């Protein structure tokens, strides 16, 4: 079943239902790099790749709570200030900051749980 093309649809549907990743984009005038480097797409791809990796590798669900890695492209790695191994596309990257190593610490979730330009712990908690 993991080799089926429907896995990508499952991951997207699961994440949309669980985390509601359909974000209202931030203000274009204040967050120019978000648009210039297409960080919105990269943020969503990170969460999808992370989830798919856990499923395909049959890794512990505990990694949804605490992981020391994620997936990033060059621009997202720069945004997170983590070392990027080089090359094109998304790659697994190591994290030293424990706040990022789980979907609830990934930029896609932090973006959808913010109100305008401010973070919202209440929205994030719900």
PDB file of N, CA and C in Angstrom:
ATOM      1  N   UNK A   1       0.808  -1.190   0.000  1.00  0.00           N
ATOM      2  CA  UNK A   1       0.000   0.000   0.000  1.00  0.00           C
ATOM      3  C   UNK A   1       0.857   1.262   0.000  1.00  0.00           C
ATOM      4  N   UNK A   2       2.040   1.191   0.581  1.00  0.00           N
ATOM      5  CA  UNK A   2       2.893   2.366   0.637  1.00  0.00           C
ATOM      6  C   UNK A   2       3.419   2.776  -0.726  1.00  0.00           C
ATOM      7  N   UNK A   3       3.460   1.838  -1.669  1.00  0.00           N
ATOM      8  CA  UNK A   3       3.922   2.149  -3.011  1.00  0.00           C
ATOM      9  C   UNK A   3       2.817   2.740  -3.879  1.00  0.00           C
ATOM     10  N   UNK A   4       1.600   2.763  -3.383  1.00  0.00           N
ATOM     11  CA  UNK A   4       0.467   3.268  -4.145  1.00  0.00           C
ATOM     12  C   UNK A   4       0.551   4.788  -4.277  1.00  0.00           C
ATOM     13  N   UNK A   5       0.157   5.282  -5.438  1.00  0.00           N
ATOM     14  CA  UNK A   5       0.155   6.731  -5.673  1.00  0.00           C
ATOM     15  C   UNK A   5      -0.799   7.466  -4.741  1.00  0.00           C
ATOM     16  N   UNK A   6      -1.728   6.765  -4.153  1.00  0.00           N
ATOM     17  CA  UNK A   6      -2.716   7.382  -3.274  1.00  0.00           C
ATOM     18  C   UNK A   6      -2.132   7.782  -1.923  1.00  0.00           C
ATOM     19  N   UNK A   7      -0.908   7.344  -1.612  1.00  0.00           N
ATOM     20  CA  UNK A   7      -0.301   7.702  -0.335  1.00  0.00           C
ATOM     21  C   UNK A   7      -0.166   9.214  -0.195  1.00  0.00           C
ATOM     22  N   UNK A   8       0.237   9.888  -1.265  1.00  0.00           N
ATOM     23  CA  UNK A   8       0.388  11.348  -1.203  1.00  0.00           C
ATOM     24  C   UNK A   8      -0.952  12.004  -0.884  1.00  0.00           C
ATOM     25  N   UNK A   9      -2.026  11.527  -1.502  1.00  0.00           N
ATOM     26  CA  UNK A   9      -3.352  12.063  -1.219  1.00  0.00           C
ATOM     27  C   UNK A   9      -3.781  11.801   0.205  1.00  0.00           C
ATOM     28  N   UNK A  10      -3.440  10.612   0.699  1.00  0.00           N
ATOM     29  CA  UNK A  10      -3.759  10.288   2.097  1.00  0.00           C
ATOM     30  C   UNK A  10      -3.042  11.241   3.044  1.00  0.00           C
ATOM     31  N   UNK A  11      -1.748  11.446   2.817  1.00  0.00           N
ATOM     32  CA  UNK A  11      -0.959  12.321   3.693  1.00  0.00           C
ATOM     33  C   UNK A  11      -1.529  13.736   3.663  1.00  0.00           C
ATOM     34  N   UNK A  12      -1.824  14.253   2.474  1.00  0.00           N
ATOM     35  CA  UNK A  12      -2.382  15.601   2.370  1.00  0.00           C
ATOM     36  C   UNK A  12      -3.730  15.698   3.084  1.00  0.00           C
ATOM     37  N   UNK A  13      -4.601  14.715   2.852  1.00  0.00           N
ATOM     38  CA  UNK A  13      -5.914  14.721   3.495  1.00  0.00           C
ATOM     39  C   UNK A  13      -5.818  14.607   5.003  1.00  0.00           C
ATOM     40  N   UNK A  14      -4.935  13.733   5.485  1.00  0.00           N
ATOM     41  CA  UNK A  14      -4.740  13.557   6.919  1.00  0.00           C
ATOM     42  C   UNK A  14      -4.261  14.856   7.557  1.00  0.00           C
ATOM     43  N   UNK A  15      -3.263  15.482   6.954  1.00  0.00           N
ATOM     44  CA  UNK A  15      -2.718  16.712   7.524  1.00  0.00           C
ATOM     45  C   UNK A  15      -3.715  17.859   7.455  1.00  0.00           C
ATOM     46  N   UNK A  16      -4.487  17.928   6.360  1.00  0.00           N
ATOM     47  CA  UNK A  16      -5.502  18.976   6.273  1.00  0.00           C
ATOM     48  C   UNK A  16      -6.576  18.795   7.340  1.00  0.00           C
ATOM     49  N   UNK A  17      -6.960  17.546   7.594  1.00  0.00           N
ATOM     50  CA  UNK A  17      -7.967  17.278   8.622  1.00  0.00           C
ATOM     51  C   UNK A  17      -7.423  17.528  10.022  1.00  0.00           C
ATOM     52  N   UNK A  18      -6.189  17.094  10.260  1.00  0.00           N
ATOM     53  CA  UNK A  18      -5.604  17.201  11.595  1.00  0.00           C
ATOM     54  C   UNK A  18      -5.132  18.624  11.893  1.00  0.00           C
ATOM     55  N   UNK A  19      -4.375  19.202  10.958  1.00  0.00           N
ATOM     56  CA  UNK A  19      -3.703  20.467  11.229  1.00  0.00           C
ATOM     57  C   UNK A  19      -4.285  21.658  10.465  1.00  0.00           C
ATOM     58  N   UNK A  20      -5.213  21.405   9.556  1.00  0.00           N
ATOM     59  CA  UNK A  20      -5.830  22.470   8.764  1.00  0.00           C
ATOM     60  C   UNK A  20      -4.765  23.382   8.148  1.00  0.00           C
ATOM     61  N   UNK A  21      -3.938  22.826   7.281  1.00  0.00           N
ATOM     62  CA  UNK A  21      -2.807  23.553   6.730  1.00  0.00           C
ATOM     63  C   UNK A  21      -3.166  24.573   5.649  1.00  0.00           C
ATOM     64  N   UNK A  22      -4.429  24.797   5.433  1.00  0.00           N
ATOM     65  CA  UNK A  22      -4.837  25.818   4.463  1.00  0.00           C
ATOM     66  C   UNK A  22      -4.746  27.176   5.166  1.00  0.00           C
ATOM     67  N   UNK A  23      -3.597  27.791   5.073  1.00  0.00           N
ATOM     68  CA  UNK A  23      -3.328  29.016   5.827  1.00  0.00           C
ATOM     69  C   UNK A  23      -3.785  30.260   5.081  1.00  0.00           C
ATOM     70  N   UNK A  24      -4.121  31.277   5.860  1.00  0.00           N
ATOM     71  CA  UNK A  24      -4.276  32.611   5.306  1.00  0.00           C
ATOM     72  C   UNK A  24      -2.876  33.185   5.234  1.00  0.00           C
ATOM     73  N   UNK A  25      -2.422  33.538   4.045  1.00  0.00           N
ATOM     74  CA  UNK A  25      -1.037  33.992   3.921  1.00  0.00           C
ATOM     75  C   UNK A  25      -0.783  35.293   4.686  1.00  0.00           C
ATOM     76  N   UNK A  26       0.443  35.480   5.127  1.00  0.00           N
ATOM     77  CA  UNK A  26       0.777  36.697   5.870  1.00  0.00           C
ATOM     78  C   UNK A  26       0.796  37.923   4.955  1.00  0.00           C
ATOM     79  N   UNK A  27       0.832  39.068   5.559  1.00  0.00           N
ATOM     80  CA  UNK A  27       0.840  40.344   4.853  1.00  0.00           C
ATOM     81  C   UNK A  27       2.033  40.424   3.898  1.00  0.00           C
ATOM     82  N   UNK A  28       1.728  40.643   2.635  1.00  0.00           N
ATOM     83  CA  UNK A  28       2.753  40.686   1.593  1.00  0.00           C
ATOM     84  C   UNK A  28       3.765  41.809   1.825  1.00  0.00           C
ATOM     85  N   UNK A  29       3.339  42.920   2.382  1.00  0.00           N
ATOM     86  CA  UNK A  29       4.256  44.054   2.563  1.00  0.00           C
ATOM     87  C   UNK A  29       5.230  43.830   3.722  1.00  0.00           C
ATOM     88  N   UNK A  30       4.846  43.008   4.711  1.00  0.00           N
ATOM     89  CA  UNK A  30       5.717  42.794   5.861  1.00  0.00           C
ATOM     90  C   UNK A  30       6.544  41.520   5.767  1.00  0.00           C
ATOM     91  N   UNK A  31       6.123  40.578   4.936  1.00  0.00           N
ATOM     92  CA  UNK A  31       6.803  39.283   4.856  1.00  0.00           C
ATOM     93  C   UNK A  31       7.186  38.982   3.409  1.00  0.00           C
ATOM     94  N   UNK A  32       8.026  39.831   2.869  1.00  0.00           N
ATOM     95  CA  UNK A  32       8.377  39.712   1.447  1.00  0.00           C
ATOM     96  C   UNK A  32       9.097  38.403   1.134  1.00  0.00           C
ATOM     97  N   UNK A  33       9.943  37.909   2.023  1.00  0.00           N
ATOM     98  CA  UNK A  33      10.669  36.663   1.745  1.00  0.00           C
ATOM     99  C   UNK A  33       9.729  35.465   1.672  1.00  0.00           C
ATOM    100  N   UNK A  34       8.603  35.517   2.375  1.00  0.00           N
ATOM    101  CA  UNK A  34       7.609  34.450   2.311  1.00  0.00           C
ATOM    102  C   UNK A  34       7.151  34.269   0.868  1.00  0.00           C
ATOM    103  N   UNK A  35       6.957  35.374   0.162  1.00  0.00           N
ATOM    104  CA  UNK A  35       6.492  35.336  -1.225  1.00  0.00           C
ATOM    105  C   UNK A  35       7.650  35.217  -2.204  1.00  0.00           C
ATOM    106  N   UNK A  36       8.723  35.920  -1.948  1.00  0.00           N
ATOM    107  CA  UNK A  36       9.872  35.907  -2.860  1.00  0.00           C
ATOM    108  C   UNK A  36      10.459  34.505  -3.016  1.00  0.00           C
ATOM    109  N   UNK A  37      10.508  33.742  -1.933  1.00  0.00           N
ATOM    110  CA  UNK A  37      11.116  32.410  -1.964  1.00  0.00           C
ATOM    111  C   UNK A  37      10.087  31.280  -1.885  1.00  0.00           C
ATOM    112  N   UNK A  38       8.804  31.620  -2.040  1.00  0.00           N
ATOM    113  CA  UNK A  38       7.718  30.642  -2.018  1.00  0.00           C
ATOM    114  C   UNK A  38       7.808  29.771  -0.757  1.00  0.00           C
ATOM    115  N   UNK A  39       7.991  30.418   0.368  1.00  0.00           N
ATOM    116  CA  UNK A  39       8.119  29.691   1.624  1.00  0.00           C
ATOM    117  C   UNK A  39       6.828  28.994   2.026  1.00  0.00           C
ATOM    118  N   UNK A  40       5.689  29.510   1.615  1.00  0.00           N
ATOM    119  CA  UNK A  40       4.429  28.865   1.959  1.00  0.00           C
ATOM    120  C   UNK A  40       4.360  27.443   1.426  1.00  0.00           C
ATOM    121  N   UNK A  41       4.747  27.269   0.165  1.00  0.00           N
ATOM    122  CA  UNK A  41       4.762  25.923  -0.430  1.00  0.00           C
ATOM    123  C   UNK A  41       5.813  25.050   0.234  1.00  0.00           C
ATOM    124  N   UNK A  42       6.967  25.633   0.540  1.00  0.00           N
ATOM    125  CA  UNK A  42       8.046  24.874   1.180  1.00  0.00           C
ATOM    126  C   UNK A  42       7.638  24.419   2.576  1.00  0.00           C
ATOM    127  N   UNK A  43       6.935  25.274   3.295  1.00  0.00           N
ATOM    128  CA  UNK A  43       6.499  24.929   4.654  1.00  0.00           C
ATOM    129  C   UNK A  43       5.517  23.761   4.637  1.00  0.00           C
ATOM    130  N   UNK A  44       4.585  23.804   3.717  1.00  0.00           N
ATOM    131  CA  UNK A  44       3.616  22.715   3.606  1.00  0.00           C
ATOM    132  C   UNK A  44       4.306  21.422   3.172  1.00  0.00           C
ATOM    133  N   UNK A  45       5.219  21.537   2.208  1.00  0.00           N
ATOM    134  CA  UNK A  45       5.951  20.358   1.731  1.00  0.00           C
ATOM    135  C   UNK A  45       6.758  19.732   2.862  1.00  0.00           C
ATOM    136  N   UNK A  46       7.328  20.552   3.731  1.00  0.00           N
ATOM    137  CA  UNK A  46       8.096  20.029   4.863  1.00  0.00           C
ATOM    138  C   UNK A  46       7.231  19.107   5.718  1.00  0.00           C
ATOM    139  N   UNK A  47       6.055  19.565   6.073  1.00  0.00           N
ATOM    140  CA  UNK A  47       5.174  18.782   6.935  1.00  0.00           C
ATOM    141  C   UNK A  47       4.709  17.514   6.230  1.00  0.00           C
ATOM    142  N   UNK A  48       4.411  17.615   4.947  1.00  0.00           N
ATOM    143  CA  UNK A  48       3.993  16.435   4.188  1.00  0.00           C
ATOM    144  C   UNK A  48       5.128  15.421   4.063  1.00  0.00           C
ATOM    145  N   UNK A  49       6.330  15.892   3.761  1.00  0.00           N
ATOM    146  CA  UNK A  49       7.481  14.985   3.637  1.00  0.00           C
ATOM    147  C   UNK A  49       7.819  14.329   4.968  1.00  0.00           C
ATOM    148  N   UNK A  50       7.759  15.096   6.035  1.00  0.00           N
ATOM    149  CA  UNK A  50       8.035  14.563   7.368  1.00  0.00           C
ATOM    150  C   UNK A  50       7.048  13.438   7.700  1.00  0.00           C
ATOM    151  N   UNK A  51       5.766  13.700   7.497  1.00  0.00           N
ATOM    152  CA  UNK A  51       4.732  12.710   7.796  1.00  0.00           C
ATOM    153  C   UNK A  51       4.880  11.480   6.920  1.00  0.00           C
ATOM    154  N   UNK A  52       5.091  11.702   5.639  1.00  0.00           N
ATOM    155  CA  UNK A  52       5.245  10.576   4.711  1.00  0.00           C
ATOM    156  C   UNK A  52       6.460   9.722   5.091  1.00  0.00           C
ATOM    157  N   UNK A  53       7.541  10.369   5.502  1.00  0.00           N
ATOM    158  CA  UNK A  53       8.746   9.652   5.918  1.00  0.00           C
ATOM    159  C   UNK A  53       8.454   8.744   7.116  1.00  0.00           C
ATOM    160  N   UNK A  54       7.714   9.261   8.092  1.00  0.00           N
ATOM    161  CA  UNK A  54       7.380   8.448   9.263  1.00  0.00           C
ATOM    162  C   UNK A  54       6.565   7.226   8.857  1.00  0.00           C
ATOM    163  N   UNK A  55       5.644   7.412   7.923  1.00  0.00           N
ATOM    164  CA  UNK A  55       4.801   6.301   7.476  1.00  0.00           C
ATOM    165  C   UNK A  55       5.615   5.291   6.679  1.00  0.00           C
ATOM    166  N   UNK A  56       6.365   5.768   5.701  1.00  0.00           N
ATOM    167  CA  UNK A  56       7.105   4.865   4.816  1.00  0.00           C
ATOM    168  C   UNK A  56       8.187   4.080   5.545  1.00  0.00           C
ATOM    169  N   UNK A  57       8.789   4.702   6.546  1.00  0.00           N
ATOM    170  CA  UNK A  57       9.867   4.043   7.284  1.00  0.00           C
ATOM    171  C   UNK A  57       9.359   3.330   8.532  1.00  0.00           C
ATOM    172  N   UNK A  58       8.043   3.368   8.739  1.00  0.00           N
ATOM    173  CA  UNK A  58       7.416   2.730   9.896  1.00  0.00           C
ATOM    174  C   UNK A  58       8.077   3.190  11.204  1.00  0.00           C
ATOM    175  N   UNK A  59       8.272   4.505  11.307  1.00  0.00           N
ATOM    176  CA  UNK A  59       8.915   5.073  12.483  1.00  0.00           C
ATOM    177  C   UNK A  59       7.881   5.322  13.572  1.00  0.00           C
ATOM    178  N   UNK A  60       8.363   5.524  14.758  1.00  0.00           N
ATOM    179  CA  UNK A  60       7.504   5.699  15.921  1.00  0.00           C
ATOM    180  C   UNK A  60       6.642   6.963  15.795  1.00  0.00           C
ATOM    181  N   UNK A  61       5.364   6.867  16.149  1.00  0.00           N
ATOM    182  CA  UNK A  61       4.518   8.068  16.176  1.00  0.00           C
ATOM    183  C   UNK A  61       5.015   9.103  17.177  1.00  0.00           C
ATOM    184  N   UNK A  62       5.868   8.682  18.105  1.00  0.00           N
ATOM    185  CA  UNK A  62       6.432   9.634  19.066  1.00  0.00           C
ATOM    186  C   UNK A  62       7.227  10.733  18.375  1.00  0.00           C
ATOM    187  N   UNK A  63       7.676  10.472  17.135  1.00  0.00           N
ATOM    188  CA  UNK A  63       8.413  11.496  16.400  1.00  0.00           C
ATOM    189  C   UNK A  63       7.515  12.672  16.014  1.00  0.00           C
ATOM    190  N   UNK A  64       6.184  12.485  16.081  1.00  0.00           N
ATOM    191  CA  UNK A  64       5.281  13.617  15.888  1.00  0.00           C
ATOM    192  C   UNK A  64       5.379  14.585  17.068  1.00  0.00           C
ATOM    193  N   UNK A  65       5.899  14.108  18.188  1.00  0.00           N
ATOM    194  CA  UNK A  65       6.034  14.928  19.392  1.00  0.00           C
ATOM    195  C   UNK A  65       7.454  15.454  19.553  1.00  0.00           C
ATOM    196  N   UNK A  66       8.435  14.636  19.185  1.00  0.00           N
ATOM    197  CA  UNK A  66       9.828  15.027  19.391  1.00  0.00           C
ATOM    198  C   UNK A  66      10.712  14.334  18.369  1.00  0.00           C
ATOM    199  N   UNK A  67      11.284  15.101  17.457  1.00  0.00           N
ATOM    200  CA  UNK A  67      12.208  14.572  16.458  1.00  0.00           C
ATOM    201  C   UNK A  67      13.392  15.528  16.344  1.00  0.00           C
ATOM    202  N   UNK A  68      14.524  14.994  15.961  1.00  0.00           N
ATOM    203  CA  UNK A  68      15.713  15.837  15.807  1.00  0.00           C
ATOM    204  C   UNK A  68      16.033  16.080  14.335  1.00  0.00           C
ATOM    205  N   UNK A  69      15.018  15.946  13.492  1.00  0.00           N
ATOM    206  CA  UNK A  69      15.200  16.165  12.060  1.00  0.00           C
ATOM    207  C   UNK A  69      13.899  16.672  11.446  1.00  0.00           C
ATOM    208  N   UNK A  70      14.042  17.222  10.256  1.00  0.00           N
ATOM    209  CA  UNK A  70      12.895  17.588   9.429  1.00  0.00           C
ATOM    210  C   UNK A  70      13.358  17.547   7.982  1.00  0.00           C
ATOM    211  N   UNK A  71      12.539  18.026   7.083  1.00  0.00           N
ATOM    212  CA  UNK A  71      12.892  18.091   5.673  1.00  0.00           C
ATOM    213  C   UNK A  71      12.801  19.543   5.239  1.00  0.00           C
ATOM    214  N   UNK A  72      13.817  19.991   4.510  1.00  0.00           N
ATOM    215  CA  UNK A  72      13.847  21.389   4.093  1.00  0.00           C
ATOM    216  C   UNK A  72      14.540  21.513   2.746  1.00  0.00           C
ATOM    217  N   UNK A  73      14.180  22.566   2.031  1.00  0.00           N
ATOM    218  CA  UNK A  73      14.965  22.960   0.869  1.00  0.00           C
ATOM    219  C   UNK A  73      15.912  24.059   1.337  1.00  0.00           C
ATOM    220  N   UNK A  74      16.684  24.603   0.426  1.00  0.00           N
ATOM    221  CA  UNK A  74      17.706  25.580   0.814  1.00  0.00           C
ATOM    222  C   UNK A  74      17.084  26.792   1.506  1.00  0.00           C
ATOM    223  N   UNK A  75      16.014  27.332   0.959  1.00  0.00           N
ATOM    224  CA  UNK A  75      15.408  28.544   1.521  1.00  0.00           C
ATOM    225  C   UNK A  75      14.776  28.287   2.886  1.00  0.00           C
ATOM    226  N   UNK A  76      14.117  27.152   3.040  1.00  0.00           N
ATOM    227  CA  UNK A  76      13.507  26.839   4.335  1.00  0.00           C
ATOM    228  C   UNK A  76      14.593  26.582   5.383  1.00  0.00           C
ATOM    229  N   UNK A  77      15.681  25.942   4.989  1.00  0.00           N
ATOM    230  CA  UNK A  77      16.801  25.729   5.913  1.00  0.00           C
ATOM    231  C   UNK A  77      17.379  27.070   6.365  1.00  0.00           C
ATOM    232  N   UNK A  78      17.473  28.019   5.442  1.00  0.00           N
ATOM    233  CA  UNK A  78      17.950  29.356   5.808  1.00  0.00           C
ATOM    234  C   UNK A  78      16.973  30.015   6.783  1.00  0.00           C
ATOM    235  N   UNK A  79      15.692  29.862   6.524  1.00  0.00           N
ATOM    236  CA  UNK A  79      14.663  30.427   7.404  1.00  0.00           C
ATOM    237  C   UNK A  79      14.793  29.857   8.816  1.00  0.00           C
ATOM    238  N   UNK A  80      15.073  28.563   8.917  1.00  0.00           N
ATOM    239  CA  UNK A  80      15.245  27.906  10.210  1.00  0.00           C
ATOM    240  C   UNK A  80      16.651  28.087  10.788  1.00  0.00           C
ATOM    241  N   UNK A  81      17.563  28.619   9.992  1.00  0.00           N
ATOM    242  CA  UNK A  81      18.966  28.782  10.394  1.00  0.00           C
ATOM    243  C   UNK A  81      19.597  27.435  10.744  1.00  0.00           C
ATOM    244  N   UNK A  82      19.381  26.445   9.866  1.00  0.00           N
ATOM    245  CA  UNK A  82      20.000  25.133  10.029  1.00  0.00           C
ATOM    246  C   UNK A  82      20.904  24.857   8.827  1.00  0.00           C
ATOM    247  N   UNK A  83      21.862  23.982   9.030  1.00  0.00           N
ATOM    248  CA  UNK A  83      22.780  23.623   7.957  1.00  0.00           C
ATOM    249  C   UNK A  83      22.043  22.827   6.888  1.00  0.00           C
ATOM    250  N   UNK A  84      22.272  23.199   5.645  1.00  0.00           N
ATOM    251  CA  UNK A  84      21.679  22.495   4.515  1.00  0.00           C
ATOM    252  C   UNK A  84      22.797  21.761   3.798  1.00  0.00           C
ATOM    253  N   UNK A  85      22.624  20.461   3.541  1.00  0.00           N
ATOM    254  CA  UNK A  85      23.714  19.675   2.948  1.00  0.00           C
ATOM    255  C   UNK A  85      24.070  20.052   1.521  1.00  0.00           C
ATOM    256  N   UNK A  86      23.271  20.852   0.865  1.00  0.00           N
ATOM    257  CA  UNK A  86      23.550  21.258  -0.510  1.00  0.00           C
ATOM    258  C   UNK A  86      22.704  20.472  -1.488  1.00  0.00           C
ATOM    259  N   UNK A  87      22.773  20.882  -2.718  1.00  0.00           N
ATOM    260  CA  UNK A  87      21.977  20.217  -3.738  1.00  0.00           C
ATOM    261  C   UNK A  87      20.641  20.908  -3.930  1.00  0.00           C
ATOM    262  N   UNK A  88      19.809  20.283  -4.730  1.00  0.00           N
ATOM    263  CA  UNK A  88      18.500  20.848  -5.047  1.00  0.00           C
ATOM    264  C   UNK A  88      17.397  20.091  -4.336  1.00  0.00           C
ATOM    265  N   UNK A  89      16.274  20.745  -4.170  1.00  0.00           N
ATOM    266  CA  UNK A  89      15.109  20.087  -3.611  1.00  0.00           C
ATOM    267  C   UNK A  89      15.171  19.938  -2.104  1.00  0.00           C
ATOM    268  N   UNK A  90      14.265  19.115  -1.613  1.00  0.00           N
ATOM    269  CA  UNK A  90      14.161  18.881  -0.173  1.00  0.00           C
ATOM    270  C   UNK A  90      15.064  17.739   0.248  1.00  0.00           C
ATOM    271  N   UNK A  91      15.652  17.914   1.419  1.00  0.00           N
ATOM    272  CA  UNK A  91      16.505  16.889   1.995  1.00  0.00           C
ATOM    273  C   UNK A  91      16.259  16.837   3.499  1.00  0.00           C
ATOM    274  N   UNK A  92      16.574  15.709   4.052  1.00  0.00           N
ATOM    275  CA  UNK A  92      16.485  15.578   5.510  1.00  0.00           C
ATOM    276  C   UNK A  92      17.599  16.417   6.125  1.00  0.00           C
ATOM    277  N   UNK A  93      17.239  17.216   7.120  1.00  0.00           N
ATOM    278  CA  UNK A  93      18.218  18.049   7.807  1.00  0.00           C
ATOM    279  C   UNK A  93      18.127  17.794   9.305  1.00  0.00           C
ATOM    280  N   UNK A  94      19.262  17.880   9.967  1.00  0.00           N
ATOM    281  CA  UNK A  94      19.322  17.709  11.416  1.00  0.00           C
ATOM    282  C   UNK A  94      18.966  19.021  12.094  1.00  0.00           C
ATOM    283  N   UNK A  95      18.315  18.889  13.227  1.00  0.00           N
ATOM    284  CA  UNK A  95      17.910  20.056  13.998  1.00  0.00           C
ATOM    285  C   UNK A  95      18.586  20.044  15.357  1.00  0.00           C
ATOM    286  N   UNK A  96      19.044  21.194  15.768  1.00  0.00           N
ATOM    287  CA  UNK A  96      19.599  21.338  17.112  1.00  0.00           C
ATOM    288  C   UNK A  96      18.575  21.977  18.044  1.00  0.00           C
ATOM    289  N   UNK A  97      17.644  22.721  17.454  1.00  0.00           N
ATOM    290  CA  UNK A  97      16.591  23.388  18.215  1.00  0.00           C
ATOM    291  C   UNK A  97      15.400  22.440  18.315  1.00  0.00           C
ATOM    292  N   UNK A  98      15.136  21.916  19.492  1.00  0.00           N
ATOM    293  CA  UNK A  98      14.082  20.945  19.690  1.00  0.00           C
ATOM    294  C   UNK A  98      12.684  21.452  19.408  1.00  0.00           C
ATOM    295  N   UNK A  99      12.512  22.749  19.306  1.00  0.00           N
ATOM    296  CA  UNK A  99      11.179  23.288  19.033  1.00  0.00           C
ATOM    297  C   UNK A  99      10.710  22.988  17.619  1.00  0.00           C
ATOM    298  N   UNK A 100      11.601  22.766  16.683  1.00  0.00           N
ATOM    299  CA  UNK A 100      11.229  22.550  15.284  1.00  0.00           C
ATOM    300  C   UNK A 100      10.971  21.087  14.952  1.00  0.00           C
ATOM    301  N   UNK A 101      11.455  20.175  15.763  1.00  0.00           N
ATOM    302  CA  UNK A 101      11.449  18.763  15.413  1.00  0.00           C
ATOM    303  C   UNK A 101      10.136  18.049  15.616  1.00  0.00           C
ATOM    304  N   UNK A 102       9.066  18.587  15.104  1.00  0.00           N
ATOM    305  CA  UNK A 102       7.750  17.953  15.165  1.00  0.00           C
ATOM    306  C   UNK A 102       6.806  18.837  14.365  1.00  0.00           C
ATOM    307  N   UNK A 103       5.706  18.299  13.871  1.00  0.00           N
ATOM    308  CA  UNK A 103       4.796  19.138  13.089  1.00  0.00           C
ATOM    309  C   UNK A 103       4.309  20.386  13.821  1.00  0.00           C
ATOM    310  N   UNK A 104       4.065  20.300  15.119  1.00  0.00           N
ATOM    311  CA  UNK A 104       3.573  21.475  15.833  1.00  0.00           C
ATOM    312  C   UNK A 104       4.616  22.580  15.958  1.00  0.00           C
ATOM    313  N   UNK A 105       5.863  22.295  15.633  1.00  0.00           N
ATOM    314  CA  UNK A 105       6.911  23.305  15.635  1.00  0.00           C
ATOM    315  C   UNK A 105       7.344  23.705  14.241  1.00  0.00           C
ATOM    316  N   UNK A 106       6.731  23.107  13.237  1.00  0.00           N
ATOM    317  CA  UNK A 106       7.093  23.413  11.860  1.00  0.00           C
ATOM    318  C   UNK A 106       6.376  24.685  11.398  1.00  0.00           C
ATOM    319  N   UNK A 107       6.990  25.368  10.476  1.00  0.00           N
ATOM    320  CA  UNK A 107       6.489  26.668  10.039  1.00  0.00           C
ATOM    321  C   UNK A 107       5.079  26.609   9.468  1.00  0.00           C
ATOM    322  N   UNK A 108       4.702  25.511   8.825  1.00  0.00           N
ATOM    323  CA  UNK A 108       3.349  25.422   8.256  1.00  0.00           C
ATOM    324  C   UNK A 108       2.294  25.532   9.348  1.00  0.00           C
ATOM    325  N   UNK A 109       2.502  24.835  10.447  1.00  0.00           N
ATOM    326  CA  UNK A 109       1.537  24.845  11.546  1.00  0.00           C
ATOM    327  C   UNK A 109       1.586  26.174  12.290  1.00  0.00           C
ATOM    328  N   UNK A 110       2.775  26.719  12.484  1.00  0.00           N
ATOM    329  CA  UNK A 110       2.897  28.003  13.170  1.00  0.00           C
ATOM    330  C   UNK A 110       2.237  29.112  12.356  1.00  0.00           C
ATOM    331  N   UNK A 111       2.287  28.993  11.032  1.00  0.00           N
ATOM    332  CA  UNK A 111       1.664  30.000  10.171  1.00  0.00           C
ATOM    333  C   UNK A 111       0.144  29.941  10.260  1.00  0.00           C
ATOM    334  N   UNK A 112      -0.424  28.741  10.207  1.00  0.00           N
ATOM    335  CA  UNK A 112      -1.889  28.647  10.246  1.00  0.00           C
ATOM    336  C   UNK A 112      -2.448  28.932  11.635  1.00  0.00           C
ATOM    337  N   UNK A 113      -1.625  28.840  12.651  1.00  0.00           N
ATOM    338  CA  UNK A 113      -2.112  29.101  14.000  1.00  0.00           C
ATOM    339  C   UNK A 113      -1.757  30.501  14.475  1.00  0.00           C
ATOM    340  N   UNK A 114      -1.415  31.373  13.536  1.00  0.00           N
ATOM    341  CA  UNK A 114      -1.143  32.772  13.853  1.00  0.00           C
ATOM    342  C   UNK A 114      -2.327  33.617  13.386  1.00  0.00           C
ATOM    343  N   UNK A 115      -2.492  34.743  14.008  1.00  0.00           N
ATOM    344  CA  UNK A 115      -3.522  35.687  13.601  1.00  0.00           C
ATOM    345  C   UNK A 115      -2.802  36.906  13.051  1.00  0.00           C
ATOM    346  N   UNK A 116      -2.974  37.107  11.749  1.00  0.00           N
ATOM    347  CA  UNK A 116      -2.290  38.194  11.037  1.00  0.00           C
ATOM    348  C   UNK A 116      -0.785  38.038  11.210  1.00  0.00           C
ATOM    349  N   UNK A 117      -0.130  38.976  11.891  1.00  0.00           N
ATOM    350  CA  UNK A 117       1.322  38.895  12.040  1.00  0.00           C
ATOM    351  C   UNK A 117       1.750  38.458  13.429  1.00  0.00           C
ATOM    352  N   UNK A 118       0.778  38.207  14.322  1.00  0.00           N
ATOM    353  CA  UNK A 118       1.093  37.816  15.689  1.00  0.00           C
ATOM    354  C   UNK A 118       0.835  36.331  15.896  1.00  0.00           C
ATOM    355  N   UNK A 119       1.661  35.711  16.711  1.00  0.00           N
ATOM    356  CA  UNK A 119       1.405  34.330  17.083  1.00  0.00           C
ATOM    357  C   UNK A 119       0.208  34.291  18.015  1.00  0.00           C
ATOM    358  N   UNK A 120      -0.453  33.163  18.050  1.00  0.00           N
ATOM    359  CA  UNK A 120      -1.627  33.030  18.905  1.00  0.00           C
ATOM    360  C   UNK A 120      -1.573  31.721  19.658  1.00  0.00           C
ATOM    361  N   UNK A 121      -1.041  31.714  20.870  1.00  0.00           N
ATOM    362  CA  UNK A 121      -0.976  30.479  21.654  1.00  0.00           C
ATOM    363  C   UNK A 121      -2.340  29.841  21.871  1.00  0.00           C
ATOM    364  N   UNK A 122      -3.394  30.646  21.974  1.00  0.00           N
ATOM    365  CA  UNK A 122      -4.736  30.102  22.179  1.00  0.00           C
ATOM    366  C   UNK A 122      -5.163  29.311  20.945  1.00  0.00           C
ATOM    367  N   UNK A 123      -5.023  29.903  19.759  1.00  0.00           N
ATOM    368  CA  UNK A 123      -5.381  29.224  18.521  1.00  0.00           C
ATOM    369  C   UNK A 123      -4.521  27.980  18.368  1.00  0.00           C
ATOM    370  N   UNK A 124      -3.236  28.094  18.642  1.00  0.00           N
ATOM    371  CA  UNK A 124      -2.331  26.956  18.519  1.00  0.00           C
ATOM    372  C   UNK A 124      -2.718  25.848  19.478  1.00  0.00           C
ATOM    373  N   UNK A 125      -3.127  26.186  20.679  1.00  0.00           N
ATOM    374  CA  UNK A 125      -3.532  25.190  21.653  1.00  0.00           C
ATOM    375  C   UNK A 125      -4.816  24.472  21.281  1.00  0.00           C
ATOM    376  N   UNK A 126      -5.724  25.192  20.680  1.00  0.00           N
ATOM    377  CA  UNK A 126      -6.983  24.573  20.267  1.00  0.00           C
ATOM    378  C   UNK A 126      -6.695  23.582  19.164  1.00  0.00           C
TER     379      UNK A 126
END
